[in-house]
């Protein structure tokens, strides 16, 4: 059996040259699909591309992109063996940012990060049990990428 080319993230099979005479379009579609299934980005939004990206890695492009990312505001930048590919986000799309585990959501034309919440403090009476419950809830929300504790 011969080695079948596969996409870098999920190992989806790519058509070989001359197979069904649709290999270029089909392979490109599979590569982009590979980036979008269970979407995860290394970091972002960033203005400039990383110096040494690995094939299959993705980033969120910032509001003032430069260099190879110029003109691709808010896109997901996918690095492939053929160079950068850009995926336009859709309303409601969600990605996990691997640098901190946060879940970002595309809404209103931009990527929205979870709110940063501070631990409860102040007041005249300190209720240890209530604060412990709130701290546990905050840890759970942070572990799910739904908020960033401050």
N, C-alpha and C. Protein backbone atom coordinates (compact mmCIF):
# COMPACT_ATOMS: atom_id res chain seq x y z
N UNK A 1 0.84 -1.18 0.00
CA UNK A 1 0.00 0.00 0.00
C UNK A 1 0.88 1.24 0.00
N UNK A 2 0.53 2.23 -0.78
CA UNK A 2 1.32 3.46 -0.86
C UNK A 2 0.88 4.44 0.22
N UNK A 3 1.78 5.36 0.54
CA UNK A 3 1.43 6.40 1.50
C UNK A 3 0.49 7.41 0.85
N UNK A 4 -0.63 7.66 1.50
CA UNK A 4 -1.59 8.64 1.01
C UNK A 4 -1.30 9.97 1.68
N UNK A 5 -1.18 11.06 0.89
CA UNK A 5 -0.97 12.37 1.52
C UNK A 5 -2.14 12.70 2.44
N UNK A 6 -1.85 13.37 3.55
CA UNK A 6 -2.90 13.70 4.51
C UNK A 6 -2.71 15.12 5.02
N UNK A 7 -3.80 15.72 5.49
CA UNK A 7 -3.74 17.07 6.06
C UNK A 7 -2.97 17.04 7.37
N UNK A 8 -2.32 18.15 7.72
CA UNK A 8 -1.44 18.16 8.88
C UNK A 8 -2.12 18.01 10.24
N UNK A 9 -3.34 18.50 10.41
CA UNK A 9 -3.96 18.48 11.74
C UNK A 9 -4.77 17.24 12.01
N UNK A 10 -5.60 16.79 11.10
CA UNK A 10 -6.49 15.67 11.37
C UNK A 10 -6.22 14.44 10.51
N UNK A 11 -5.23 14.50 9.65
CA UNK A 11 -4.91 13.36 8.81
C UNK A 11 -5.98 13.01 7.80
N UNK A 12 -6.75 14.01 7.36
CA UNK A 12 -7.77 13.76 6.33
C UNK A 12 -7.07 13.43 5.02
N UNK A 13 -7.54 12.41 4.30
CA UNK A 13 -6.87 12.03 3.06
C UNK A 13 -7.04 13.08 1.98
N UNK A 14 -5.97 13.29 1.25
CA UNK A 14 -5.99 14.20 0.11
C UNK A 14 -5.95 13.37 -1.17
N UNK A 15 -6.60 13.84 -2.20
CA UNK A 15 -6.56 13.13 -3.47
C UNK A 15 -5.16 13.21 -4.07
N UNK A 16 -4.74 12.15 -4.70
CA UNK A 16 -3.46 12.13 -5.38
C UNK A 16 -3.58 12.82 -6.73
N UNK A 17 -2.46 13.19 -7.29
CA UNK A 17 -2.45 13.86 -8.59
C UNK A 17 -3.19 13.00 -9.62
N UNK A 18 -4.04 13.64 -10.38
CA UNK A 18 -4.83 13.05 -11.44
C UNK A 18 -5.99 12.18 -10.96
N UNK A 19 -6.16 12.02 -9.69
CA UNK A 19 -7.30 11.24 -9.20
C UNK A 19 -8.56 12.07 -9.35
N UNK A 20 -9.48 11.62 -10.16
CA UNK A 20 -10.76 12.27 -10.44
C UNK A 20 -10.59 13.66 -11.06
N UNK A 21 -9.36 14.02 -11.42
CA UNK A 21 -9.06 15.30 -12.07
C UNK A 21 -9.55 16.51 -11.26
N UNK A 22 -9.73 16.34 -9.98
CA UNK A 22 -10.20 17.43 -9.13
C UNK A 22 -9.28 17.67 -7.94
N UNK A 23 -8.03 17.19 -8.03
CA UNK A 23 -7.16 17.17 -6.85
C UNK A 23 -6.85 18.55 -6.27
N UNK A 24 -6.67 19.56 -7.09
CA UNK A 24 -6.29 20.86 -6.57
C UNK A 24 -7.41 21.45 -5.72
N UNK A 25 -8.60 21.49 -6.26
CA UNK A 25 -9.73 22.05 -5.53
C UNK A 25 -10.08 21.21 -4.31
N UNK A 26 -10.10 19.92 -4.47
CA UNK A 26 -10.46 19.03 -3.37
C UNK A 26 -9.43 19.10 -2.24
N UNK A 27 -8.15 19.09 -2.59
CA UNK A 27 -7.10 19.16 -1.56
C UNK A 27 -7.15 20.47 -0.79
N UNK A 28 -7.38 21.55 -1.50
CA UNK A 28 -7.50 22.84 -0.83
C UNK A 28 -8.68 22.84 0.14
N UNK A 29 -9.81 22.28 -0.28
CA UNK A 29 -10.98 22.21 0.58
C UNK A 29 -10.69 21.38 1.83
N UNK A 30 -10.01 20.28 1.66
CA UNK A 30 -9.69 19.44 2.83
C UNK A 30 -8.72 20.15 3.76
N UNK A 31 -7.77 20.89 3.22
CA UNK A 31 -6.82 21.63 4.06
C UNK A 31 -7.55 22.67 4.89
N UNK A 32 -8.45 23.40 4.28
CA UNK A 32 -9.21 24.41 5.02
C UNK A 32 -10.15 23.76 6.03
N UNK A 33 -10.79 22.68 5.65
CA UNK A 33 -11.65 21.95 6.57
C UNK A 33 -10.86 21.47 7.78
N UNK A 34 -9.64 21.04 7.53
CA UNK A 34 -8.76 20.58 8.60
C UNK A 34 -8.51 21.67 9.64
N UNK A 35 -8.41 22.91 9.20
CA UNK A 35 -8.19 24.02 10.12
C UNK A 35 -9.44 24.41 10.88
N UNK A 36 -10.60 24.14 10.32
CA UNK A 36 -11.84 24.60 10.92
C UNK A 36 -12.51 23.61 11.86
N UNK A 37 -12.26 22.33 11.71
CA UNK A 37 -12.86 21.35 12.60
C UNK A 37 -12.22 21.49 13.97
N UNK A 38 -13.04 21.69 15.00
CA UNK A 38 -12.54 21.90 16.35
C UNK A 38 -11.47 22.98 16.34
N UNK A 39 -11.81 24.14 15.78
CA UNK A 39 -10.86 25.21 15.52
C UNK A 39 -10.06 25.61 16.76
N UNK A 40 -8.74 25.63 16.59
CA UNK A 40 -7.82 26.05 17.63
C UNK A 40 -6.76 26.94 17.00
N UNK A 41 -6.49 28.08 17.64
CA UNK A 41 -5.46 28.99 17.16
C UNK A 41 -4.34 29.05 18.18
N UNK A 42 -3.13 29.27 17.72
CA UNK A 42 -1.98 29.36 18.62
C UNK A 42 -2.11 30.58 19.51
N UNK A 43 -2.46 31.72 18.90
CA UNK A 43 -2.55 32.99 19.63
C UNK A 43 -3.29 34.00 18.76
N UNK A 44 -3.49 35.17 19.30
CA UNK A 44 -4.08 36.24 18.53
C UNK A 44 -5.18 36.93 19.29
N UNK A 45 -5.60 38.03 18.75
CA UNK A 45 -5.24 38.66 17.50
C UNK A 45 -3.82 39.24 17.53
N UNK A 46 -3.09 39.03 16.42
CA UNK A 46 -1.73 39.52 16.24
C UNK A 46 -1.65 40.34 14.97
N UNK A 47 -0.74 41.32 14.95
CA UNK A 47 -0.57 42.17 13.78
C UNK A 47 0.37 41.59 12.75
N UNK A 48 1.36 40.82 13.18
CA UNK A 48 2.37 40.30 12.27
C UNK A 48 2.45 38.78 12.38
N UNK A 49 2.73 38.11 11.29
CA UNK A 49 2.84 36.65 11.33
C UNK A 49 4.04 36.20 12.16
N UNK A 50 3.98 35.01 12.75
CA UNK A 50 5.10 34.50 13.53
C UNK A 50 6.30 34.22 12.62
N UNK A 51 7.49 34.25 13.20
CA UNK A 51 8.71 34.06 12.42
C UNK A 51 8.87 32.63 11.92
N UNK A 52 8.50 31.66 12.73
CA UNK A 52 8.71 30.26 12.35
C UNK A 52 7.45 29.43 12.58
N UNK A 53 6.44 29.62 11.74
CA UNK A 53 5.21 28.83 11.91
C UNK A 53 5.43 27.39 11.47
N UNK A 54 4.67 26.49 12.08
CA UNK A 54 4.69 25.08 11.67
C UNK A 54 3.46 24.81 10.81
N UNK A 55 3.58 23.90 9.90
CA UNK A 55 2.48 23.56 9.02
C UNK A 55 1.28 23.11 9.86
N UNK A 56 0.11 23.67 9.53
CA UNK A 56 -1.12 23.33 10.23
C UNK A 56 -1.46 24.25 11.38
N UNK A 57 -0.56 25.15 11.77
CA UNK A 57 -0.85 26.07 12.87
C UNK A 57 -1.68 27.24 12.36
N UNK A 58 -2.53 27.77 13.26
CA UNK A 58 -3.42 28.89 12.93
C UNK A 58 -3.25 30.01 13.94
N UNK A 59 -3.50 31.23 13.49
CA UNK A 59 -3.50 32.42 14.33
C UNK A 59 -4.68 33.29 13.94
N UNK A 60 -5.10 34.17 14.86
CA UNK A 60 -6.11 35.17 14.52
C UNK A 60 -5.35 36.43 14.13
N UNK A 61 -5.72 36.98 12.97
CA UNK A 61 -5.09 38.20 12.47
C UNK A 61 -5.74 39.40 13.16
N UNK A 62 -4.89 40.34 13.60
CA UNK A 62 -5.36 41.52 14.32
C UNK A 62 -5.97 42.59 13.42
N UNK A 63 -6.26 43.75 14.02
CA UNK A 63 -6.93 44.84 13.32
C UNK A 63 -6.02 45.60 12.37
N UNK A 64 -4.71 45.58 12.59
CA UNK A 64 -3.77 46.31 11.74
C UNK A 64 -2.68 45.35 11.25
N UNK A 65 -3.04 44.39 10.40
CA UNK A 65 -2.07 43.38 10.00
C UNK A 65 -0.98 43.92 9.08
N UNK A 66 0.20 43.31 9.19
CA UNK A 66 1.35 43.73 8.39
C UNK A 66 1.96 42.52 7.69
N UNK A 67 2.92 42.81 6.82
CA UNK A 67 3.68 41.79 6.09
C UNK A 67 2.74 40.87 5.32
N UNK A 68 2.93 39.56 5.44
CA UNK A 68 2.14 38.58 4.68
C UNK A 68 0.67 38.59 5.06
N UNK A 69 0.33 39.19 6.19
CA UNK A 69 -1.05 39.23 6.64
C UNK A 69 -1.79 40.50 6.24
N UNK A 70 -1.14 41.43 5.56
CA UNK A 70 -1.75 42.72 5.20
C UNK A 70 -3.09 42.50 4.49
N UNK A 71 -4.09 43.27 4.94
CA UNK A 71 -5.41 43.20 4.32
C UNK A 71 -6.29 42.06 4.77
N UNK A 72 -5.87 41.31 5.77
CA UNK A 72 -6.62 40.13 6.22
C UNK A 72 -7.17 40.29 7.64
N UNK A 73 -7.63 41.48 7.99
CA UNK A 73 -8.11 41.77 9.34
C UNK A 73 -9.12 40.74 9.83
N UNK A 74 -8.94 40.26 11.05
CA UNK A 74 -9.85 39.34 11.76
C UNK A 74 -9.91 37.94 11.18
N UNK A 75 -9.17 37.65 10.12
CA UNK A 75 -9.19 36.31 9.52
C UNK A 75 -8.43 35.32 10.39
N UNK A 76 -8.67 34.05 10.14
CA UNK A 76 -7.85 33.00 10.73
C UNK A 76 -6.78 32.69 9.70
N UNK A 77 -5.51 32.85 10.11
CA UNK A 77 -4.39 32.59 9.22
C UNK A 77 -3.89 31.18 9.46
N UNK A 78 -3.93 30.37 8.42
CA UNK A 78 -3.49 28.98 8.46
C UNK A 78 -2.19 28.86 7.69
N UNK A 79 -1.15 28.29 8.31
CA UNK A 79 0.11 28.10 7.61
C UNK A 79 0.15 26.69 7.01
N UNK A 80 0.40 26.61 5.70
CA UNK A 80 0.48 25.33 5.01
C UNK A 80 1.80 25.26 4.25
N UNK A 81 2.08 24.12 3.68
CA UNK A 81 3.31 23.97 2.91
C UNK A 81 3.31 24.91 1.70
N UNK A 82 2.15 25.36 1.27
CA UNK A 82 2.05 26.29 0.15
C UNK A 82 2.03 27.75 0.58
N UNK A 83 2.20 28.01 1.86
CA UNK A 83 2.18 29.39 2.38
C UNK A 83 0.94 29.64 3.21
N UNK A 84 0.63 30.91 3.40
CA UNK A 84 -0.50 31.31 4.24
C UNK A 84 -1.82 31.17 3.49
N UNK A 85 -2.82 30.64 4.18
CA UNK A 85 -4.20 30.59 3.71
C UNK A 85 -5.01 31.37 4.74
N UNK A 86 -6.01 32.08 4.29
CA UNK A 86 -6.82 32.90 5.19
C UNK A 86 -8.26 32.46 5.15
N UNK A 87 -8.83 32.25 6.32
CA UNK A 87 -10.20 31.80 6.45
C UNK A 87 -11.03 32.94 7.04
N UNK A 88 -12.06 33.34 6.34
CA UNK A 88 -12.91 34.42 6.83
C UNK A 88 -13.82 33.89 7.93
N UNK A 89 -13.82 34.55 9.09
CA UNK A 89 -14.70 34.08 10.17
C UNK A 89 -16.15 34.41 9.87
N UNK A 90 -17.02 33.60 10.45
CA UNK A 90 -18.46 33.82 10.31
C UNK A 90 -19.03 34.18 11.68
N UNK A 91 -20.12 34.91 11.68
CA UNK A 91 -20.78 35.30 12.92
C UNK A 91 -21.07 34.07 13.78
N UNK A 92 -20.67 34.14 15.04
CA UNK A 92 -20.91 33.04 15.97
C UNK A 92 -19.81 31.99 16.01
N UNK A 93 -18.84 32.08 15.11
CA UNK A 93 -17.75 31.10 15.07
C UNK A 93 -16.94 31.18 16.37
N UNK A 94 -16.50 30.03 16.86
CA UNK A 94 -15.71 29.98 18.08
C UNK A 94 -14.41 29.24 17.84
N UNK A 95 -13.35 29.71 18.50
CA UNK A 95 -12.05 29.03 18.46
C UNK A 95 -11.49 28.98 19.87
N UNK A 96 -10.61 28.03 20.09
CA UNK A 96 -9.88 27.96 21.35
C UNK A 96 -8.50 28.54 21.10
N UNK A 97 -8.09 29.49 21.95
CA UNK A 97 -6.76 30.07 21.86
C UNK A 97 -5.84 29.24 22.74
N UNK A 98 -4.89 28.54 22.12
CA UNK A 98 -4.04 27.60 22.83
C UNK A 98 -3.08 28.27 23.82
N UNK A 99 -2.73 29.53 23.60
CA UNK A 99 -1.79 30.20 24.49
C UNK A 99 -2.32 30.36 25.91
N UNK A 100 -3.64 30.48 26.07
CA UNK A 100 -4.22 30.61 27.41
C UNK A 100 -5.49 29.79 27.63
N UNK A 101 -5.92 29.05 26.62
CA UNK A 101 -7.09 28.19 26.77
C UNK A 101 -8.42 28.91 26.65
N UNK A 102 -8.41 30.20 26.34
CA UNK A 102 -9.66 30.97 26.24
C UNK A 102 -10.41 30.61 24.97
N UNK A 103 -11.74 30.67 25.06
CA UNK A 103 -12.59 30.47 23.90
C UNK A 103 -12.98 31.84 23.37
N UNK A 104 -12.60 32.12 22.13
CA UNK A 104 -12.93 33.39 21.51
C UNK A 104 -14.11 33.18 20.56
N UNK A 105 -14.97 34.18 20.48
CA UNK A 105 -16.17 34.10 19.65
C UNK A 105 -16.19 35.28 18.70
N UNK A 106 -16.49 35.01 17.43
CA UNK A 106 -16.58 36.07 16.44
C UNK A 106 -17.99 36.62 16.47
N UNK A 107 -18.12 37.90 16.83
CA UNK A 107 -19.43 38.52 16.96
C UNK A 107 -19.30 40.01 16.67
N UNK A 108 -20.20 40.52 15.88
CA UNK A 108 -20.19 41.96 15.60
C UNK A 108 -18.98 42.42 14.81
N UNK A 109 -18.43 41.55 13.99
CA UNK A 109 -17.29 41.92 13.16
C UNK A 109 -15.94 41.80 13.81
N UNK A 110 -15.88 41.24 15.03
CA UNK A 110 -14.59 41.09 15.70
C UNK A 110 -14.57 39.89 16.63
N UNK A 111 -13.37 39.53 17.06
CA UNK A 111 -13.19 38.41 17.99
C UNK A 111 -13.34 38.92 19.40
N UNK A 112 -14.23 38.30 20.16
CA UNK A 112 -14.51 38.69 21.54
C UNK A 112 -13.91 37.67 22.50
N UNK A 113 -13.16 38.18 23.47
CA UNK A 113 -12.55 37.33 24.49
C UNK A 113 -13.47 37.23 25.69
N UNK A 114 -13.30 36.17 26.48
CA UNK A 114 -14.11 36.08 27.70
C UNK A 114 -13.77 37.23 28.65
N UNK A 115 -14.73 37.62 29.44
CA UNK A 115 -14.52 38.71 30.39
C UNK A 115 -13.52 38.30 31.46
N UNK A 116 -12.70 39.24 31.88
CA UNK A 116 -11.77 39.01 32.99
C UNK A 116 -12.48 39.44 34.27
N UNK A 117 -12.64 38.52 35.18
CA UNK A 117 -13.32 38.80 36.43
C UNK A 117 -12.33 38.75 37.59
N UNK A 118 -12.45 39.71 38.49
CA UNK A 118 -11.61 39.72 39.67
C UNK A 118 -12.26 38.88 40.77
N UNK A 119 -11.44 38.33 41.64
CA UNK A 119 -11.95 37.56 42.78
C UNK A 119 -12.73 38.50 43.69
N UNK A 120 -13.76 37.99 44.36
CA UNK A 120 -14.54 38.85 45.24
C UNK A 120 -13.70 39.38 46.39
N UNK A 121 -13.94 40.64 46.73
CA UNK A 121 -13.22 41.24 47.86
C UNK A 121 -14.09 42.35 48.44
N UNK A 122 -13.68 42.86 49.58
CA UNK A 122 -14.39 43.97 50.20
C UNK A 122 -15.56 43.50 51.03
N UNK A 123 -16.39 44.45 51.43
CA UNK A 123 -17.53 44.14 52.28
C UNK A 123 -17.16 44.17 53.75
N UNK A 124 -18.17 44.24 54.59
CA UNK A 124 -17.91 44.30 56.03
C UNK A 124 -17.91 42.92 56.67
N UNK A 125 -18.58 41.96 56.08
CA UNK A 125 -18.62 40.60 56.61
C UNK A 125 -18.00 39.67 55.57
N UNK A 126 -17.02 38.88 55.99
CA UNK A 126 -16.38 37.94 55.09
C UNK A 126 -17.03 36.58 55.29
N UNK A 127 -17.67 36.09 54.26
CA UNK A 127 -18.30 34.79 54.30
C UNK A 127 -17.38 33.81 53.59
N UNK A 128 -16.63 33.03 54.37
CA UNK A 128 -15.63 32.12 53.82
C UNK A 128 -16.25 31.09 52.90
N UNK A 129 -17.39 30.55 53.25
CA UNK A 129 -18.02 29.54 52.40
C UNK A 129 -18.49 30.12 51.06
N UNK A 130 -19.05 31.33 51.09
CA UNK A 130 -19.50 31.96 49.84
C UNK A 130 -18.31 32.26 48.94
N UNK A 131 -17.23 32.77 49.53
CA UNK A 131 -16.04 33.07 48.72
C UNK A 131 -15.42 31.79 48.16
N UNK A 132 -15.43 30.71 48.92
CA UNK A 132 -14.90 29.44 48.43
C UNK A 132 -15.75 28.93 47.27
N UNK A 133 -17.06 29.07 47.38
CA UNK A 133 -17.95 28.64 46.29
C UNK A 133 -17.72 29.47 45.04
N UNK A 134 -17.58 30.79 45.22
CA UNK A 134 -17.32 31.66 44.07
C UNK A 134 -15.96 31.34 43.44
N UNK A 135 -14.96 31.09 44.25
CA UNK A 135 -13.63 30.76 43.73
C UNK A 135 -13.67 29.45 42.94
N UNK A 136 -14.41 28.46 43.43
CA UNK A 136 -14.54 27.19 42.71
C UNK A 136 -15.27 27.38 41.39
N UNK A 137 -16.32 28.21 41.40
CA UNK A 137 -17.06 28.51 40.17
C UNK A 137 -16.15 29.21 39.16
N UNK A 138 -15.38 30.18 39.62
CA UNK A 138 -14.46 30.90 38.73
C UNK A 138 -13.41 29.96 38.15
N UNK A 139 -12.88 29.06 38.95
CA UNK A 139 -11.89 28.10 38.44
C UNK A 139 -12.50 27.19 37.37
N UNK A 140 -13.75 26.79 37.60
CA UNK A 140 -14.43 25.94 36.63
C UNK A 140 -14.67 26.68 35.32
N UNK A 141 -15.12 27.92 35.39
CA UNK A 141 -15.35 28.72 34.18
C UNK A 141 -14.04 28.97 33.44
N UNK A 142 -12.97 29.22 34.18
CA UNK A 142 -11.66 29.43 33.55
C UNK A 142 -11.16 28.15 32.89
N UNK A 143 -11.35 27.02 33.55
CA UNK A 143 -10.91 25.74 32.98
C UNK A 143 -11.64 25.41 31.68
N UNK A 144 -12.86 25.89 31.54
CA UNK A 144 -13.64 25.66 30.32
C UNK A 144 -13.38 26.72 29.26
N UNK A 145 -12.52 27.70 29.58
CA UNK A 145 -12.20 28.75 28.62
C UNK A 145 -13.31 29.79 28.49
N UNK A 146 -14.21 29.84 29.45
CA UNK A 146 -15.33 30.76 29.36
C UNK A 146 -15.04 32.11 30.01
N UNK A 147 -13.97 32.20 30.77
CA UNK A 147 -13.57 33.47 31.37
C UNK A 147 -12.08 33.45 31.69
N UNK A 148 -11.55 34.60 31.94
CA UNK A 148 -10.16 34.74 32.33
C UNK A 148 -10.17 35.39 33.71
N UNK A 149 -9.58 34.74 34.71
CA UNK A 149 -9.58 35.34 36.05
C UNK A 149 -8.53 36.42 36.12
N UNK A 150 -8.81 37.42 36.94
CA UNK A 150 -7.92 38.58 36.99
C UNK A 150 -7.19 38.73 38.26
